[in-house]
C-alpha atoms as a PDB file:
ATOM      1  CA  MET A   1      75.097   7.806-106.334  1.00  0.00           C
ATOM      2  CA  LEU A   2      76.076   9.812-103.174  1.00  0.00           C
ATOM      3  CA  ARG A   3      77.183  13.044-105.444  1.00  0.00           C
ATOM      4  CA  LYS A   4      74.239  12.386-107.881  1.00  0.00           C
ATOM      5  CA  LEU A   5      72.359  13.206-104.466  1.00  0.00           C
ATOM      6  CA  PHE A   6      74.009  15.991-103.448  1.00  0.00           C
ATOM      7  CA  TYR A   7      73.325  17.764-106.746  1.00  0.00           C
ATOM      8  CA  ILE A   8      69.921  16.935-106.815  1.00  0.00           C
ATOM      9  CA  ILE A   9      69.793  18.747-103.157  1.00  0.00           C
ATOM     10  CA  LEU A  10      71.823  21.323-104.520  1.00  0.00           C
ATOM     11  CA  ALA A  11      69.452  22.139-107.056  1.00  0.00           C
ATOM     12  CA  ILE A  12      66.211  21.998-105.032  1.00  0.00           C
ATOM     13  CA  PHE A  13      67.883  24.202-102.190  1.00  0.00           C
ATOM     14  CA  ILE A  14      69.757  27.120-104.143  1.00  0.00           C
ATOM     15  CA  PRO A  15      66.475  28.340-106.047  1.00  0.00           C
ATOM     16  CA  LEU A  16      64.668  28.078-102.309  1.00  0.00           C
ATOM     17  CA  LEU A  17      67.537  29.708-100.964  1.00  0.00           C
ATOM     18  CA  ALA A  18      67.371  32.366-103.765  1.00  0.00           C
ATOM     19  CA  VAL A  19      63.724  33.322-103.171  1.00  0.00           C
ATOM     20  CA  GLY A  20      64.224  33.531 -99.473  1.00  0.00           C
ATOM     21  CA  ALA A  21      66.742  36.164-100.471  1.00  0.00           C
ATOM     22  CA  LEU A  22      64.271  37.680-102.333  1.00  0.00           C
ATOM     23  CA  ASP A  23      61.856  37.878 -99.985  1.00  0.00           C
ATOM     24  CA  TYR A  24      63.676  39.014 -96.964  1.00  0.00           C
ATOM     25  CA  SER A  25      65.015  41.741 -99.334  1.00  0.00           C
ATOM     26  CA  GLY A  26      61.590  43.065-100.729  1.00  0.00           C
ATOM     27  CA  ARG A  27      62.673  42.634-104.186  1.00  0.00           C
ATOM     28  CA  PHE A  28      60.126  39.885-104.444  1.00  0.00           C
ATOM     29  CA  TRP A  29      57.623  38.327-102.344  1.00  0.00           C
ATOM     30  CA  HIS A  30      56.535  34.361-103.134  1.00  0.00           C
ATOM     31  CA  THR A  31      52.811  35.028-103.049  1.00  0.00           C
ATOM     32  CA  GLU A  32      53.647  37.533-106.270  1.00  0.00           C
ATOM     33  CA  ILE A  33      52.786  34.805-108.393  1.00  0.00           C
ATOM     34  CA  PHE A  34      49.378  34.473-107.707  1.00  0.00           C
ATOM     35  CA  THR A  35      48.731  38.155-108.028  1.00  0.00           C
ATOM     36  CA  ASN A  36      49.650  38.467-111.814  1.00  0.00           C
ATOM     37  CA  THR A  37      45.967  38.503-112.813  1.00  0.00           C
ATOM     38  CA  TYR A  38      45.263  41.023-111.020  1.00  0.00           C
ATOM     39  CA  ASP A  39      45.671  44.802-112.147  1.00  0.00           C
ATOM     40  CA  VAL A  40      44.909  47.006-109.397  1.00  0.00           C
ATOM     41  CA  ARG A  41      47.615  47.041-107.164  1.00  0.00           C
ATOM     42  CA  GLY A  42      47.861  49.096-103.967  1.00  0.00           C
ATOM     43  CA  ILE A  43      49.747  49.362-100.257  1.00  0.00           C
ATOM     44  CA  ASP A  44      48.611  50.434 -96.352  1.00  0.00           C
ATOM     45  CA  VAL A  45      50.934  52.597 -94.343  1.00  0.00           C
ATOM     46  CA  SER A  46      50.877  53.449 -91.022  1.00  0.00           C
ATOM     47  CA  HIS A  47      53.757  56.209 -89.141  1.00  0.00           C
ATOM     48  CA  TYR A  48      55.814  53.139 -89.551  1.00  0.00           C
ATOM     49  CA  GLN A  49      56.869  53.840 -93.050  1.00  0.00           C
ATOM     50  CA  GLY A  50      57.576  57.664 -91.811  1.00  0.00           C
ATOM     51  CA  LEU A  51      57.898  60.482 -94.188  1.00  0.00           C
ATOM     52  CA  ILE A  52      56.655  59.128 -97.448  1.00  0.00           C
ATOM     53  CA  ASN A  53      57.439  60.737-100.841  1.00  0.00           C
ATOM     54  CA  TRP A  54      54.268  60.452-102.500  1.00  0.00           C
ATOM     55  CA  ASN A  55      55.616  61.897-106.027  1.00  0.00           C
ATOM     56  CA  LYS A  56      57.680  58.684-106.310  1.00  0.00           C
ATOM     57  CA  VAL A  57      54.822  56.233-105.396  1.00  0.00           C
ATOM     58  CA  ALA A  58      52.115  57.484-107.499  1.00  0.00           C
ATOM     59  CA  ASP A  59      54.991  56.367-110.148  1.00  0.00           C
ATOM     60  CA  ASP A  60      55.636  53.140-108.697  1.00  0.00           C
ATOM     61  CA  ASN A  61      52.013  51.664-109.977  1.00  0.00           C
ATOM     62  CA  VAL A  62      50.710  52.175-106.748  1.00  0.00           C
ATOM     63  CA  SER A  63      46.553  52.515-107.864  1.00  0.00           C
ATOM     64  CA  PHE A  64      45.544  52.957-103.882  1.00  0.00           C
ATOM     65  CA  VAL A  65      46.608  53.131-100.048  1.00  0.00           C
ATOM     66  CA  TYR A  66      45.071  52.556 -97.066  1.00  0.00           C
ATOM     67  CA  MET A  67      46.436  54.934 -94.382  1.00  0.00           C
ATOM     68  CA  LYS A  68      46.155  54.592 -90.270  1.00  0.00           C
ATOM     69  CA  ALA A  69      43.969  56.991 -88.923  1.00  0.00           C
ATOM     70  CA  THR A  70      43.015  55.680 -85.328  1.00  0.00           C
ATOM     71  CA  GLU A  71      43.645  53.442 -82.754  1.00  0.00           C
ATOM     72  CA  GLY A  72      40.980  52.068 -79.992  1.00  0.00           C
ATOM     73  CA  THR A  73      39.423  55.909 -78.563  1.00  0.00           C
ATOM     74  CA  GLY A  74      42.717  57.951 -77.879  1.00  0.00           C
ATOM     75  CA  HIS A  75      45.399  57.728 -80.768  1.00  0.00           C
ATOM     76  CA  ILE A  76      45.812  59.145 -84.073  1.00  0.00           C
ATOM     77  CA  ASP A  77      48.688  58.275 -86.471  1.00  0.00           C
ATOM     78  CA  SER A  78      50.899  60.864 -86.221  1.00  0.00           C
ATOM     79  CA  TYR A  79      51.760  60.555 -89.979  1.00  0.00           C
ATOM     80  CA  PHE A  80      47.573  60.031 -90.959  1.00  0.00           C
ATOM     81  CA  SER A  81      46.781  63.902 -92.097  1.00  0.00           C
ATOM     82  CA  TYR A  82      49.764  64.075 -94.094  1.00  0.00           C
ATOM     83  CA  ASN A  83      49.567  60.536 -96.044  1.00  0.00           C
ATOM     84  CA  TRP A  84      45.807  61.731 -96.259  1.00  0.00           C
ATOM     85  CA  GLU A  85      46.250  65.373 -98.134  1.00  0.00           C
ATOM     86  CA  GLU A  86      49.568  64.060-100.379  1.00  0.00           C
ATOM     87  CA  SER A  87      48.147  61.008-101.613  1.00  0.00           C
ATOM     88  CA  LYS A  88      44.969  62.876-103.109  1.00  0.00           C
ATOM     89  CA  ARG A  89      47.299  65.533-104.659  1.00  0.00           C
ATOM     90  CA  VAL A  90      49.609  62.740-106.101  1.00  0.00           C
ATOM     91  CA  LYS A  91      46.153  61.611-107.490  1.00  0.00           C
ATOM     92  CA  VAL A  92      46.350  57.973-105.716  1.00  0.00           C
ATOM     93  CA  PHE A  93      42.674  56.376-104.574  1.00  0.00           C
ATOM     94  CA  ARG A  94      42.826  56.638-100.660  1.00  0.00           C
ATOM     95  CA  GLY A  95      40.939  55.025 -97.883  1.00  0.00           C
ATOM     96  CA  ALA A  96      41.475  55.373 -93.943  1.00  0.00           C
ATOM     97  CA  TYR A  97      41.447  52.513 -91.349  1.00  0.00           C
ATOM     98  CA  HIS A  98      40.908  52.339 -87.908  1.00  0.00           C
ATOM     99  CA  PHE A  99      43.243  49.736 -85.527  1.00  0.00           C
ATOM    100  CA  PHE A 100      39.880  48.163 -83.783  1.00  0.00           C
ATOM    101  CA  SER A 101      40.344  47.638 -79.742  1.00  0.00           C
ATOM    102  CA  MET A 102      37.818  45.099 -77.543  1.00  0.00           C
ATOM    103  CA  LYS A 103      38.554  47.820 -74.753  1.00  0.00           C
ATOM    104  CA  SER A 104      35.784  50.255 -75.685  1.00  0.00           C
ATOM    105  CA  SER A 105      32.330  49.975 -77.787  1.00  0.00           C
ATOM    106  CA  GLY A 106      32.702  49.706 -81.116  1.00  0.00           C
ATOM    107  CA  GLN A 107      30.463  53.069 -81.642  1.00  0.00           C
ATOM    108  CA  THR A 108      32.519  55.049 -79.830  1.00  0.00           C
ATOM    109  CA  GLN A 109      35.055  53.748 -81.583  1.00  0.00           C
ATOM    110  CA  GLY A 110      33.388  54.816 -84.829  1.00  0.00           C
ATOM    111  CA  GLU A 111      32.438  58.004 -83.398  1.00  0.00           C
ATOM    112  CA  TYR A 112      36.037  58.602 -82.332  1.00  0.00           C
ATOM    113  CA  PHE A 113      36.785  57.967 -86.188  1.00  0.00           C
ATOM    114  CA  ILE A 114      34.372  60.486 -87.506  1.00  0.00           C
ATOM    115  CA  SER A 115      35.866  62.949 -85.441  1.00  0.00           C
ATOM    116  CA  VAL A 116      39.448  62.218 -87.112  1.00  0.00           C
ATOM    117  CA  VAL A 117      38.579  61.434 -90.621  1.00  0.00           C
ATOM    118  CA  PRO A 118      36.838  63.805 -92.932  1.00  0.00           C
ATOM    119  CA  LYS A 119      34.682  62.803 -95.076  1.00  0.00           C
ATOM    120  CA  ASP A 120      34.822  62.641 -98.835  1.00  0.00           C
ATOM    121  CA  LYS A 121      32.229  60.980-101.545  1.00  0.00           C
ATOM    122  CA  ASN A 122      35.556  60.134-103.636  1.00  0.00           C
ATOM    123  CA  SER A 123      37.732  58.147-101.071  1.00  0.00           C
ATOM    124  CA  LEU A 124      37.628  54.554-100.512  1.00  0.00           C
ATOM    125  CA  PRO A 125      35.416  53.255 -97.338  1.00  0.00           C
ATOM    126  CA  PRO A 126      36.981  53.464 -94.305  1.00  0.00           C
ATOM    127  CA  ALA A 127      38.190  50.101 -93.191  1.00  0.00           C
ATOM    128  CA  ILE A 128      38.402  48.559 -89.752  1.00  0.00           C
ATOM    129  CA  ASP A 129      41.418  46.674 -88.869  1.00  0.00           C
ATOM    130  CA  VAL A 130      40.365  43.704 -86.723  1.00  0.00           C
ATOM    131  CA  GLU A 131      43.235  41.915 -85.115  1.00  0.00           C
ATOM    132  CA  VAL A 132      41.746  41.006 -81.772  1.00  0.00           C
ATOM    133  CA  SER A 133      42.886  38.156 -79.656  1.00  0.00           C
ATOM    134  CA  LEU A 134      41.200  34.971 -80.342  1.00  0.00           C
ATOM    135  CA  SER A 135      39.828  34.398 -76.671  1.00  0.00           C
ATOM    136  CA  TYR A 136      36.945  36.875 -77.206  1.00  0.00           C
ATOM    137  CA  SER A 137      33.824  35.123 -78.278  1.00  0.00           C
ATOM    138  CA  ARG A 138      32.414  35.469 -81.700  1.00  0.00           C
ATOM    139  CA  VAL A 139      29.195  37.190 -80.294  1.00  0.00           C
ATOM    140  CA  GLU A 140      31.043  39.965 -78.936  1.00  0.00           C
ATOM    141  CA  VAL A 141      33.512  40.705 -81.559  1.00  0.00           C
ATOM    142  CA  LEU A 142      30.969  40.666 -84.249  1.00  0.00           C
ATOM    143  CA  GLY A 143      28.524  42.837 -81.964  1.00  0.00           C
ATOM    144  CA  GLU A 144      31.099  45.532 -81.583  1.00  0.00           C
ATOM    145  CA  VAL A 145      32.382  45.197 -84.776  1.00  0.00           C
ATOM    146  CA  MET A 146      28.634  45.497 -86.563  1.00  0.00           C
ATOM    147  CA  ALA A 147      28.408  48.045 -83.838  1.00  0.00           C
ATOM    148  CA  MET A 148      31.115  50.337 -85.110  1.00  0.00           C
ATOM    149  CA  SER A 149      30.776  49.325 -88.719  1.00  0.00           C
ATOM    150  CA  SER A 150      26.920  50.780 -88.562  1.00  0.00           C
ATOM    151  CA  VAL A 151      28.355  54.416 -87.230  1.00  0.00           C
ATOM    152  CA  LEU A 152      30.975  54.837 -90.353  1.00  0.00           C
ATOM    153  CA  GLU A 153      28.245  53.886 -92.856  1.00  0.00           C
ATOM    154  CA  GLU A 154      25.365  55.662 -91.849  1.00  0.00           C
ATOM    155  CA  TYR A 155      28.267  58.343 -91.340  1.00  0.00           C
ATOM    156  CA  TYR A 156      30.004  58.567 -95.257  1.00  0.00           C
ATOM    157  CA  GLU A 157      27.226  56.975 -97.014  1.00  0.00           C
ATOM    158  CA  LYS A 158      29.547  53.554 -97.289  1.00  0.00           C
ATOM    159  CA  LYS A 159      29.979  50.236 -95.760  1.00  0.00           C
ATOM    160  CA  PRO A 160      33.362  49.795 -94.349  1.00  0.00           C
ATOM    161  CA  VAL A 161      35.587  47.036 -95.442  1.00  0.00           C
ATOM    162  CA  ILE A 162      36.904  44.790 -92.533  1.00  0.00           C
ATOM    163  CA  TYR A 163      40.387  43.774 -92.590  1.00  0.00           C
ATOM    164  CA  MET A 164      41.522  40.484 -91.073  1.00  0.00           C
ATOM    165  CA  ASP A 165      43.803  37.302 -91.583  1.00  0.00           C
ATOM    166  CA  MET A 166      42.732  33.753 -91.839  1.00  0.00           C
ATOM    167  CA  ASN A 167      42.582  33.040 -88.205  1.00  0.00           C
ATOM    168  CA  ILE A 168      40.186  35.987 -87.470  1.00  0.00           C
ATOM    169  CA  TYR A 169      38.188  35.086 -90.587  1.00  0.00           C
ATOM    170  CA  LYS A 170      37.851  31.633 -89.310  1.00  0.00           C
ATOM    171  CA  ALA A 171      37.074  32.507 -85.412  1.00  0.00           C
ATOM    172  CA  PHE A 172      34.963  35.391 -85.773  1.00  0.00           C
ATOM    173  CA  PHE A 173      33.542  36.085 -89.236  1.00  0.00           C
ATOM    174  CA  GLU A 174      33.646  32.524 -91.134  1.00  0.00           C
ATOM    175  CA  ASP A 175      29.290  31.693 -91.985  1.00  0.00           C
ATOM    176  CA  SER A 176      28.752  34.976 -90.327  1.00  0.00           C
ATOM    177  CA  SER A 177      25.700  37.037 -91.959  1.00  0.00           C
ATOM    178  CA  ILE A 178      27.912  39.953 -92.295  1.00  0.00           C
ATOM    179  CA  ALA A 179      27.723  42.032 -95.943  1.00  0.00           C
ATOM    180  CA  ASN A 180      30.785  44.014 -95.690  1.00  0.00           C
ATOM    181  CA  LYS A 181      33.288  43.660 -98.059  1.00  0.00           C
ATOM    182  CA  ILE A 182      36.401  41.941 -96.674  1.00  0.00           C
ATOM    183  CA  TRP A 183      40.115  42.587 -96.585  1.00  0.00           C
ATOM    184  CA  ILE A 184      41.968  39.609 -96.625  1.00  0.00           C
ATOM    185  CA  ARG A 185      46.182  39.397 -95.293  1.00  0.00           C
ATOM    186  CA  GLU A 186      47.934  35.835 -96.495  1.00  0.00           C
ATOM    187  CA  ILE A 187      51.064  36.616 -97.207  1.00  0.00           C
ATOM    188  CA  TYR A 188      52.070  32.775 -97.346  1.00  0.00           C
ATOM    189  CA  ILE A 189      49.488  31.433 -99.715  1.00  0.00           C
ATOM    190  CA  HIS A 190      46.409  32.630-102.677  1.00  0.00           C
ATOM    191  CA  PRO A 191      43.999  33.008 -99.746  1.00  0.00           C
ATOM    192  CA  ASP A 192      41.519  31.094-101.300  1.00  0.00           C
ATOM    193  CA  PHE A 193      43.154  27.836-100.618  1.00  0.00           C
ATOM    194  CA  PHE A 194      42.093  28.512 -97.023  1.00  0.00           C
ATOM    195  CA  ALA A 195      38.570  29.428 -97.214  1.00  0.00           C
ATOM    196  CA  ARG A 196      36.614  31.008-100.223  1.00  0.00           C
ATOM    197  CA  THR A 197      36.086  34.684 -98.804  1.00  0.00           C
ATOM    198  CA  ASN A 198      34.656  36.176-101.675  1.00  0.00           C
ATOM    199  CA  TRP A 199      37.784  38.913-100.411  1.00  0.00           C
ATOM    200  CA  ARG A 200      37.782  41.926-102.477  1.00  0.00           C
ATOM    201  CA  PHE A 201      41.488  43.159-101.310  1.00  0.00           C
ATOM    202  CA  TRP A 202      44.271  40.493-100.333  1.00  0.00           C
ATOM    203  CA  GLN A 203      47.484  42.098 -98.387  1.00  0.00           C
ATOM    204  CA  TYR A 204      49.894  39.283 -99.639  1.00  0.00           C
ATOM    205  CA  SER A 205      53.384  40.731 -98.877  1.00  0.00           C
ATOM    206  CA  ASP A 206      53.963  42.592 -95.873  1.00  0.00           C
ATOM    207  CA  ARG A 207      58.129  43.329 -97.397  1.00  0.00           C
ATOM    208  CA  GLY A 208      57.438  45.133-100.270  1.00  0.00           C
ATOM    209  CA  ASP A 209      59.525  47.739-102.393  1.00  0.00           C
ATOM    210  CA  VAL A 210      57.571  50.499-103.412  1.00  0.00           C
ATOM    211  CA  GLN A 211      59.618  53.924-104.761  1.00  0.00           C
ATOM    212  CA  GLY A 212      59.156  56.543-102.314  1.00  0.00           C
ATOM    213  CA  ILE A 213      58.941  54.699 -99.200  1.00  0.00           C
ATOM    214  CA  THR A 214      62.132  53.645 -97.135  1.00  0.00           C
ATOM    215  CA  GLY A 215      61.674  50.084 -95.737  1.00  0.00           C
ATOM    216  CA  PRO A 216      59.307  47.453 -96.513  1.00  0.00           C
ATOM    217  CA  VAL A 217      55.547  48.091 -97.112  1.00  0.00           C
ATOM    218  CA  ASP A 218      52.465  45.885 -97.259  1.00  0.00           C
ATOM    219  CA  LEU A 219      51.209  45.405-100.809  1.00  0.00           C
ATOM    220  CA  ASN A 220      47.625  44.896-102.083  1.00  0.00           C
ATOM    221  CA  VAL A 221      45.445  43.705-104.356  1.00  0.00           C
ATOM    222  CA  TYR A 222      42.073  44.432-105.516  1.00  0.00           C
ATOM    223  CA  ARG A 223      39.806  41.466-106.437  1.00  0.00           C
ATOM    224  CA  GLY A 224      38.339  42.607-110.276  1.00  0.00           C
ATOM    225  CA  SER A 225      39.478  45.165-113.140  1.00  0.00           C
ATOM    226  CA  TYR A 226      40.179  48.903-112.304  1.00  0.00           C
ATOM    227  CA  GLU A 227      36.696  50.101-114.084  1.00  0.00           C
ATOM    228  CA  ASP A 228      35.189  47.460-110.867  1.00  0.00           C
ATOM    229  CA  PHE A 229      37.368  48.927-108.990  1.00  0.00           C
ATOM    230  CA  LEU A 230      35.806  52.423-109.885  1.00  0.00           C
ATOM    231  CA  LYS A 231      32.269  51.027-109.849  1.00  0.00           C
ATOM    232  CA  GLU A 232      32.186  49.024-106.836  1.00  0.00           C
ATOM    233  CA  PHE A 233      33.541  52.200-104.426  1.00  0.00           C
ATOM    234  CA  ASP A 234      31.472  54.857-106.672  1.00  0.00           C
ATOM    235  CA  LEU A 235      35.185  56.118-107.343  1.00  0.00           C
ATOM    236  CA  ASN A 236      35.480  59.106-110.003  1.00  0.00           C
ATOM    237  CA  GLN A 237      38.572  58.794-112.245  1.00  0.00           C
ATOM    238  CA  LEU A 238      41.526  61.224-110.336  1.00  0.00           C
END
């Protein structure tokens, strides 16, 4: 009886250990089983990925990239210009994101982003990365994020995407009246399990393995077909 129980335990834990090892190595991420129905795949990058070989990235089924451009009102990502130009050269759709701060107004941060990121009609909408402390008031966060969104939309003529994890969504954005498209981070299970966010982008892994990038990188999918992707963001085929 004990021997049978031992084998049952082994049969359960060995596959779990194997999946854990693959997760850690970046060769496989468990949430990939939920992404099989999504055809449009992308990554998001910053200086943490170092010097990227964009020729290799383009050959690894990457359709789009969001890259860090700015943070607050005084920081420009050191690889932004390189990533912006190189991703276009290899015909990967590109978008820039801003790491949002509650230390300055949304309008000021929007103006700072505009001073750094070129206006390109055939790029993805700008994205606002909201990872603020949950101690801030909902009214304050929504007000400043929407102020930045308005500044960016007026200049780039595309409504910004807002990036958030599920905690941020539930604390500040759930049941709000915002019309922005949502880019949700949920690396443990399909985001619809927690809330019906109507997300457009889903960051499902932070340990992806992509050719041309040394070390782990965030993996994303778009919620729709490739034709939907082009139409929704008013993009022309590269």
